[in-house]
């Protein structure tokens, strides 16, 4: 007997734009938590007024990674922001190495 797993998700492209409320709902976190991520420099909104903030698609990915770092490792937002930066630097270096090996 085989078991099938059904995975559902949303494909977010770079051209996808989220409002503060939409990003908050997509992450299951209150808007105040998203605002704290902006203050930590994890994500950068477009627009100067909070009521008009827009977030590009890559912000959702960054927020999801921070969520995992906070929940799985117990990091605070500042620690998660630093860990995210280091993870992205490692990814960039791995991509460079892969390009050089071709």
C-alpha atoms as a PDB file:
ATOM      1  CA  UNK A   1       0.000   0.000   0.000  1.00  0.00           C
ATOM      2  CA  UNK A   2       1.461   3.354  -1.009  1.00  0.00           C
ATOM      3  CA  UNK A   3       0.894   6.568   0.835  1.00  0.00           C
ATOM      4  CA  UNK A   4       0.554   9.778  -1.063  1.00  0.00           C
ATOM      5  CA  UNK A   5       1.435  13.112   0.404  1.00  0.00           C
ATOM      6  CA  UNK A   6      -0.278  16.199  -0.899  1.00  0.00           C
ATOM      7  CA  UNK A   7       1.598  19.433  -0.457  1.00  0.00           C
ATOM      8  CA  UNK A   8      -0.081  22.747  -1.064  1.00  0.00           C
ATOM      9  CA  UNK A   9       1.584  26.105  -1.279  1.00  0.00           C
ATOM     10  CA  UNK A  10       1.769  29.402  -3.019  1.00  0.00           C
ATOM     11  CA  UNK A  11       4.429  30.205  -5.572  1.00  0.00           C
ATOM     12  CA  UNK A  12       5.597  33.737  -4.960  1.00  0.00           C
ATOM     13  CA  UNK A  13       7.495  35.485  -7.684  1.00  0.00           C
ATOM     14  CA  UNK A  14       9.671  38.537  -7.351  1.00  0.00           C
ATOM     15  CA  UNK A  15       6.932  40.569  -8.981  1.00  0.00           C
ATOM     16  CA  UNK A  16       4.475  39.693  -6.193  1.00  0.00           C
ATOM     17  CA  UNK A  17       3.747  42.647  -3.935  1.00  0.00           C
ATOM     18  CA  UNK A  18       2.319  42.381  -0.413  1.00  0.00           C
ATOM     19  CA  UNK A  19       0.786  45.036   1.788  1.00  0.00           C
ATOM     20  CA  UNK A  20       1.659  44.956   5.499  1.00  0.00           C
ATOM     21  CA  UNK A  21      -1.623  43.163   6.238  1.00  0.00           C
ATOM     22  CA  UNK A  22      -1.145  40.629   3.450  1.00  0.00           C
ATOM     23  CA  UNK A  23       2.401  39.812   4.559  1.00  0.00           C
ATOM     24  CA  UNK A  24       1.189  39.518   8.136  1.00  0.00           C
ATOM     25  CA  UNK A  25      -1.564  37.070   7.125  1.00  0.00           C
ATOM     26  CA  UNK A  26       0.776  35.072   4.875  1.00  0.00           C
ATOM     27  CA  UNK A  27       3.140  34.561   7.816  1.00  0.00           C
ATOM     28  CA  UNK A  28       0.489  34.115  10.482  1.00  0.00           C
ATOM     29  CA  UNK A  29       2.087  36.844  12.576  1.00  0.00           C
ATOM     30  CA  UNK A  30       0.728  40.177  13.794  1.00  0.00           C
ATOM     31  CA  UNK A  31       1.627  43.346  11.908  1.00  0.00           C
ATOM     32  CA  UNK A  32       3.674  44.487  14.925  1.00  0.00           C
ATOM     33  CA  UNK A  33       5.991  41.521  14.402  1.00  0.00           C
ATOM     34  CA  UNK A  34       6.467  42.457  10.736  1.00  0.00           C
ATOM     35  CA  UNK A  35       7.178  46.049  11.811  1.00  0.00           C
ATOM     36  CA  UNK A  36       9.826  44.735  14.217  1.00  0.00           C
ATOM     37  CA  UNK A  37      11.465  42.906  11.295  1.00  0.00           C
ATOM     38  CA  UNK A  38      11.545  46.160   9.355  1.00  0.00           C
ATOM     39  CA  UNK A  39      13.165  47.866  12.343  1.00  0.00           C
ATOM     40  CA  UNK A  40      15.789  45.070  12.517  1.00  0.00           C
ATOM     41  CA  UNK A  41      16.535  45.511   8.820  1.00  0.00           C
ATOM     42  CA  UNK A  42      15.366  42.002   7.897  1.00  0.00           C
ATOM     43  CA  UNK A  43      12.932  43.302   5.303  1.00  0.00           C
ATOM     44  CA  UNK A  44      12.607  46.668   3.619  1.00  0.00           C
ATOM     45  CA  UNK A  45       9.250  48.101   2.649  1.00  0.00           C
ATOM     46  CA  UNK A  46       8.639  50.360  -0.297  1.00  0.00           C
ATOM     47  CA  UNK A  47       6.884  53.534   0.804  1.00  0.00           C
ATOM     48  CA  UNK A  48       7.399  55.903   3.684  1.00  0.00           C
ATOM     49  CA  UNK A  49       4.059  55.630   5.505  1.00  0.00           C
ATOM     50  CA  UNK A  50       3.228  52.334   7.265  1.00  0.00           C
ATOM     51  CA  UNK A  51      -0.295  52.369   5.904  1.00  0.00           C
ATOM     52  CA  UNK A  52       1.149  52.405   2.379  1.00  0.00           C
ATOM     53  CA  UNK A  53       4.052  49.973   2.850  1.00  0.00           C
ATOM     54  CA  UNK A  54       4.525  47.381   0.116  1.00  0.00           C
ATOM     55  CA  UNK A  55       6.811  44.374   0.327  1.00  0.00           C
ATOM     56  CA  UNK A  56       8.364  42.495  -2.589  1.00  0.00           C
ATOM     57  CA  UNK A  57       8.042  38.737  -2.931  1.00  0.00           C
ATOM     58  CA  UNK A  58      11.487  37.951  -1.512  1.00  0.00           C
ATOM     59  CA  UNK A  59      10.429  39.496   1.815  1.00  0.00           C
ATOM     60  CA  UNK A  60       8.074  36.565   2.416  1.00  0.00           C
ATOM     61  CA  UNK A  61      10.957  34.129   2.036  1.00  0.00           C
ATOM     62  CA  UNK A  62      13.107  36.135   4.462  1.00  0.00           C
ATOM     63  CA  UNK A  63      10.288  36.365   7.006  1.00  0.00           C
ATOM     64  CA  UNK A  64       9.668  32.607   6.816  1.00  0.00           C
ATOM     65  CA  UNK A  65      13.349  31.889   7.441  1.00  0.00           C
ATOM     66  CA  UNK A  66      13.363  34.228  10.447  1.00  0.00           C
ATOM     67  CA  UNK A  67      10.235  32.503  11.777  1.00  0.00           C
ATOM     68  CA  UNK A  68      12.036  29.154  11.658  1.00  0.00           C
ATOM     69  CA  UNK A  69      15.163  30.567  13.295  1.00  0.00           C
ATOM     70  CA  UNK A  70      13.107  32.053  16.112  1.00  0.00           C
ATOM     71  CA  UNK A  71      10.909  28.995  16.683  1.00  0.00           C
ATOM     72  CA  UNK A  72      13.475  26.234  16.091  1.00  0.00           C
ATOM     73  CA  UNK A  73      16.574  27.807  17.622  1.00  0.00           C
ATOM     74  CA  UNK A  74      15.005  30.207  20.089  1.00  0.00           C
ATOM     75  CA  UNK A  75      16.809  33.216  18.643  1.00  0.00           C
ATOM     76  CA  UNK A  76      15.581  36.737  19.240  1.00  0.00           C
ATOM     77  CA  UNK A  77      14.918  38.941  16.211  1.00  0.00           C
ATOM     78  CA  UNK A  78      18.384  40.518  16.261  1.00  0.00           C
ATOM     79  CA  UNK A  79      20.026  37.086  16.371  1.00  0.00           C
ATOM     80  CA  UNK A  80      17.749  35.769  13.646  1.00  0.00           C
ATOM     81  CA  UNK A  81      18.549  38.797  11.472  1.00  0.00           C
ATOM     82  CA  UNK A  82      22.283  38.117  11.855  1.00  0.00           C
ATOM     83  CA  UNK A  83      21.839  34.397  11.175  1.00  0.00           C
ATOM     84  CA  UNK A  84      19.776  35.183   8.070  1.00  0.00           C
ATOM     85  CA  UNK A  85      22.509  37.484   6.788  1.00  0.00           C
ATOM     86  CA  UNK A  86      25.129  34.776   7.308  1.00  0.00           C
ATOM     87  CA  UNK A  87      22.958  32.106   5.657  1.00  0.00           C
ATOM     88  CA  UNK A  88      22.499  34.329   2.611  1.00  0.00           C
ATOM     89  CA  UNK A  89      26.234  34.999   2.462  1.00  0.00           C
ATOM     90  CA  UNK A  90      26.927  31.244   2.515  1.00  0.00           C
ATOM     91  CA  UNK A  91      24.370  30.753  -0.276  1.00  0.00           C
ATOM     92  CA  UNK A  92      26.038  33.469  -2.360  1.00  0.00           C
ATOM     93  CA  UNK A  93      29.467  31.906  -1.859  1.00  0.00           C
ATOM     94  CA  UNK A  94      28.174  28.438  -2.772  1.00  0.00           C
ATOM     95  CA  UNK A  95      26.647  29.833  -5.954  1.00  0.00           C
ATOM     96  CA  UNK A  96      29.952  31.487  -6.852  1.00  0.00           C
ATOM     97  CA  UNK A  97      31.836  28.257  -6.271  1.00  0.00           C
ATOM     98  CA  UNK A  98      29.344  26.320  -8.386  1.00  0.00           C
ATOM     99  CA  UNK A  99      29.709  28.870 -11.196  1.00  0.00           C
ATOM    100  CA  UNK A 100      33.503  28.635 -11.068  1.00  0.00           C
ATOM    101  CA  UNK A 101      33.396  24.818 -11.147  1.00  0.00           C
ATOM    102  CA  UNK A 102      31.422  24.805 -14.416  1.00  0.00           C
END
